[in-house]
C-alpha cells in the first residue's frame, strides 16, 4: 500500500513537473529561437501533452485504494449538483476567455503566442481572476466519495492550482501591464470576496 501511494505521488509530481517545464518562459524562449513555427504549434502541443499524460491517472486512482468516507443521500445529491455546476462554470469560464486561443487554434490561424490572448474581466472573471482554477478545485473537493488516493491527488492538484495561479499572474502582468495590475487591485486572485468589484 505504501509503495503504491509513493508511486501515485511520484506520478502526480512528474506530471506537475512536466506541465511546469512546458509552461516555463525559458523553454518558450528556447523554442522561439530554435524551432520554426514554435508559437503556432506550442499551445496545441502543450494541451495535447497535458491530456495524454493524464490518461493513466483514473486507473491509478482505483488501484490499492481505501475509502475514507462516503456522503449518504440526500447530501450526496447536493455534492453531485455542486460538481455539475462547477463543471458547467468551468466550461463557461473557458468560453469567456477566448477558447480558440486557450486550445491553440487561434495560434494556428496566425495569432502568435500571448498576442491572441486578451484580458477578460467580465463574467466569472469579475469575481475572481482565476475561475478555471477555482472551479477545478471545487469540482474535486465536492466529490461525495473520498478515498486515500483521491485525497492525495486532490491535495497535490489544489497546491498546483494555487502555485500555478501565481505563475499565471506574472505572465498576465507581463502581457497586459498596468491594465492587469489595476485588475489585480480590484478582483481577488483565487477565491471570491464579499467586497464588490469595480469591474
Protein backbone atom coordinates (compact mmCIF):
# COMPACT_ATOMS: atom_id res chain seq x y z
CA UNK A 1 0.00 0.00 0.00
CA UNK A 2 2.76 2.44 0.95
CA UNK A 3 4.72 1.58 -2.21
CA UNK A 4 1.66 2.27 -4.36
CA UNK A 5 1.00 5.59 -2.63
CA UNK A 6 4.59 6.63 -3.33
CA UNK A 7 4.10 5.62 -6.97
CA UNK A 8 0.91 7.68 -7.16
CA UNK A 9 2.61 10.72 -5.62
CA UNK A 10 5.57 10.27 -7.97
CA UNK A 11 3.24 10.13 -10.99
CA UNK A 12 1.47 13.35 -9.95
CA UNK A 13 4.77 15.12 -9.23
CA UNK A 14 6.20 14.07 -12.61
CA UNK A 15 3.02 15.29 -14.31
CA UNK A 16 3.24 18.62 -12.48
CA UNK A 17 6.94 18.90 -13.26
CA UNK A 18 6.42 18.22 -16.97
CA UNK A 19 3.47 20.62 -17.11
CA UNK A 20 5.52 23.33 -15.37
CA UNK A 21 8.56 22.73 -17.59
CA UNK A 22 6.48 23.11 -20.75
CA UNK A 23 4.99 26.35 -19.39
CA UNK A 24 8.37 27.81 -18.40
CA UNK A 25 9.44 31.07 -20.06
CA UNK A 26 12.96 29.70 -20.61
CA UNK A 27 11.65 26.77 -22.65
CA UNK A 28 9.40 29.10 -24.67
CA UNK A 29 12.37 31.38 -25.38
CA UNK A 30 14.47 28.39 -26.48
CA UNK A 31 11.66 27.13 -28.72
CA UNK A 32 11.21 30.51 -30.38
CA UNK A 33 14.94 30.72 -31.04
CA UNK A 34 15.42 27.18 -32.40
CA UNK A 35 12.10 25.79 -33.68
CA UNK A 36 10.45 27.40 -36.73
CA UNK A 37 6.72 27.92 -36.19
CA UNK A 38 7.06 27.33 -32.45
CA UNK A 39 4.43 29.91 -31.47
CA UNK A 40 1.91 28.47 -33.93
CA UNK A 41 2.11 24.95 -32.53
CA UNK A 42 3.17 25.42 -28.90
CA UNK A 43 -0.22 25.84 -27.21
CA UNK A 44 -1.84 22.95 -29.08
CA UNK A 45 1.15 20.72 -28.30
CA UNK A 46 1.08 21.81 -24.65
CA UNK A 47 -2.60 20.90 -24.28
CA UNK A 48 -2.17 17.58 -26.09
CA UNK A 49 0.70 16.58 -23.78
CA UNK A 50 -1.31 17.64 -20.71
CA UNK A 51 -4.24 15.44 -21.74
CA UNK A 52 -2.27 12.41 -22.92
CA UNK A 53 -0.02 12.26 -19.86
CA UNK A 54 -3.10 12.46 -17.61
CA UNK A 55 -4.76 9.37 -19.16
CA UNK A 56 -3.20 6.81 -16.74
CA UNK A 57 -4.48 8.68 -13.67
CA UNK A 58 -8.04 7.22 -13.49
CA UNK A 59 -6.61 3.69 -13.45
CA UNK A 60 -4.02 4.61 -10.83
CA UNK A 61 -6.72 6.15 -8.61
CA UNK A 62 -8.59 2.84 -8.42
CA UNK A 63 -5.62 0.61 -7.59
CA UNK A 64 -4.91 -0.39 -3.96
CA UNK A 65 -7.26 2.26 -2.60
CA UNK A 66 -9.10 2.74 0.69
CA UNK A 67 -12.37 4.63 1.20
CA UNK A 68 -12.13 7.39 3.81
CA UNK A 69 -15.75 8.48 3.73
CA UNK A 70 -18.91 8.30 1.65
CA UNK A 71 -21.53 11.02 1.94
CA UNK A 72 -25.00 9.42 2.01
CA UNK A 73 -28.05 10.57 0.06
CA UNK A 74 -29.65 13.10 0.00
CA UNK A 75 -26.48 15.07 0.90
CA UNK A 76 -24.56 13.29 -1.85
CA UNK A 77 -27.04 14.66 -4.38
CA UNK A 78 -26.14 18.20 -3.29
CA UNK A 79 -22.45 17.44 -3.80
CA UNK A 80 -23.11 15.94 -7.24
CA UNK A 81 -25.15 19.04 -8.12
CA UNK A 82 -22.23 21.18 -6.93
CA UNK A 83 -19.85 19.19 -9.12
CA UNK A 84 -22.18 19.60 -12.09
CA UNK A 85 -22.42 23.36 -11.54
CA UNK A 86 -18.63 23.57 -11.10
CA UNK A 87 -18.09 21.70 -14.39
CA UNK A 88 -20.58 23.99 -16.16
CA UNK A 89 -18.95 27.10 -14.68
CA UNK A 90 -15.53 25.76 -15.74
CA UNK A 91 -16.77 25.33 -19.31
CA UNK A 92 -18.31 28.82 -19.33
CA UNK A 93 -15.06 30.29 -17.98
CA UNK A 94 -13.16 28.73 -20.89
CA UNK A 95 -15.74 30.08 -23.36
CA UNK A 96 -15.44 33.57 -21.83
CA UNK A 97 -11.65 33.54 -22.17
CA UNK A 98 -11.09 33.20 -25.93
CA UNK A 99 -11.47 29.40 -26.29
CA UNK A 100 -9.72 29.22 -29.67
CA UNK A 101 -6.62 30.77 -28.07
CA UNK A 102 -6.95 28.56 -24.98
CA UNK A 103 -6.97 25.38 -27.10
CA UNK A 104 -4.29 26.62 -29.52
CA UNK A 105 -6.34 27.01 -32.69
CA UNK A 106 -6.02 30.82 -32.83
CA UNK A 107 -2.24 30.45 -32.98
CA UNK A 108 -2.52 28.06 -35.93
CA UNK A 109 -4.62 30.70 -37.69
CA UNK A 110 -1.83 33.26 -37.30
CA UNK A 111 -2.17 34.84 -33.84
CA UNK A 112 1.27 34.45 -32.21
CA UNK A 113 1.58 33.17 -28.64
CA UNK A 114 0.45 35.67 -26.00
CA UNK A 115 -0.76 38.12 -28.66
CA UNK A 116 -4.10 36.46 -29.40
CA UNK A 117 -4.62 36.41 -25.64
CA UNK A 118 -6.96 39.09 -24.31
CA UNK A 119 -7.68 40.39 -20.85
CA UNK A 120 -11.11 39.14 -19.76
CA UNK A 121 -12.71 40.97 -16.83
CA UNK A 122 -16.38 40.14 -17.28
CA UNK A 123 -18.49 37.10 -16.40
CA UNK A 124 -16.87 34.94 -13.73
CA UNK A 125 -13.67 36.96 -14.16
CA UNK A 126 -15.46 39.86 -12.47
CA UNK A 127 -15.40 37.98 -9.18
CA UNK A 128 -12.14 36.04 -9.30
CA UNK A 129 -9.07 36.35 -11.53
CA UNK A 130 -8.63 32.59 -12.00
CA UNK A 131 -12.06 30.94 -12.22
CA UNK A 132 -10.59 27.96 -14.11
CA UNK A 133 -8.55 27.02 -11.05
CA UNK A 134 -11.36 27.85 -8.62
CA UNK A 135 -13.98 25.69 -10.34
CA UNK A 136 -11.48 22.86 -10.82
CA UNK A 137 -10.77 22.87 -7.07
CA UNK A 138 -14.50 22.93 -6.26
CA UNK A 139 -15.18 20.05 -8.65
CA UNK A 140 -12.53 17.91 -6.98
CA UNK A 141 -13.45 18.57 -3.35
CA UNK A 142 -17.22 18.28 -3.83
CA UNK A 143 -16.81 14.56 -4.51
CA UNK A 144 -19.24 12.62 -2.24
CA UNK A 145 -16.79 9.71 -2.06
CA UNK A 146 -13.31 10.36 -0.72
CA UNK A 147 -10.60 7.74 -0.87
CA UNK A 148 -6.99 7.88 0.25
CA UNK A 149 -5.77 8.03 -3.36
CA UNK A 150 -8.16 10.84 -4.21
CA UNK A 151 -7.20 12.78 -1.09
CA UNK A 152 -3.54 12.67 -2.09
CA UNK A 153 -4.18 13.59 -5.75
CA UNK A 154 -6.73 16.30 -4.90
CA UNK A 155 -4.38 17.82 -2.33
CA UNK A 156 -1.45 17.92 -4.76
CA UNK A 157 -3.69 19.27 -7.55
CA UNK A 158 -5.02 22.03 -5.29
CA UNK A 159 -1.48 23.01 -4.33
CA UNK A 160 -0.53 23.01 -8.01
CA UNK A 161 -3.52 25.19 -8.94
CA UNK A 162 -2.56 27.64 -6.19
CA UNK A 163 1.09 27.84 -7.27
CA UNK A 164 0.04 27.83 -10.94
CA UNK A 165 -2.12 30.88 -10.36
CA UNK A 166 0.97 32.74 -9.06
CA UNK A 167 2.91 31.84 -12.22
CA UNK A 168 -0.05 32.88 -14.37
CA UNK A 169 -0.18 36.22 -12.54
CA UNK A 170 3.37 37.04 -13.62
CA UNK A 171 2.64 36.09 -17.24
CA UNK A 172 -0.55 38.16 -17.35
CA UNK A 173 1.11 41.18 -15.73
CA UNK A 174 3.90 40.97 -18.30
CA UNK A 175 1.41 40.64 -21.17
CA UNK A 176 -1.15 43.29 -20.15
CA UNK A 177 0.89 45.64 -17.98
CA UNK A 178 -0.93 48.31 -15.98
CA UNK A 179 -4.36 47.10 -17.06
CA UNK A 180 -3.74 43.79 -15.32
CA UNK A 181 -2.21 45.43 -12.26
CA UNK A 182 -5.38 47.52 -11.89
CA UNK A 183 -7.43 44.34 -12.26
CA UNK A 184 -5.33 42.68 -9.55
CA UNK A 185 -6.17 45.51 -7.16
CA UNK A 186 -9.90 45.22 -7.80
CA UNK A 187 -10.56 41.45 -8.07
CA UNK A 188 -9.38 38.56 -5.81
CA UNK A 189 -6.94 36.06 -7.29
CA UNK A 190 -8.39 32.65 -6.49
CA UNK A 191 -11.28 32.86 -4.03
CA UNK A 192 -14.16 35.35 -4.34
CA UNK A 193 -14.54 38.16 -1.83
CA UNK A 194 -17.68 39.69 -0.38
CA UNK A 195 -16.21 43.05 -1.38
CA UNK A 196 -17.85 44.44 -4.52
CA UNK A 197 -15.58 44.61 -7.56
CA UNK A 198 -15.17 47.83 -9.56
CA UNK A 199 -15.08 45.80 -12.81
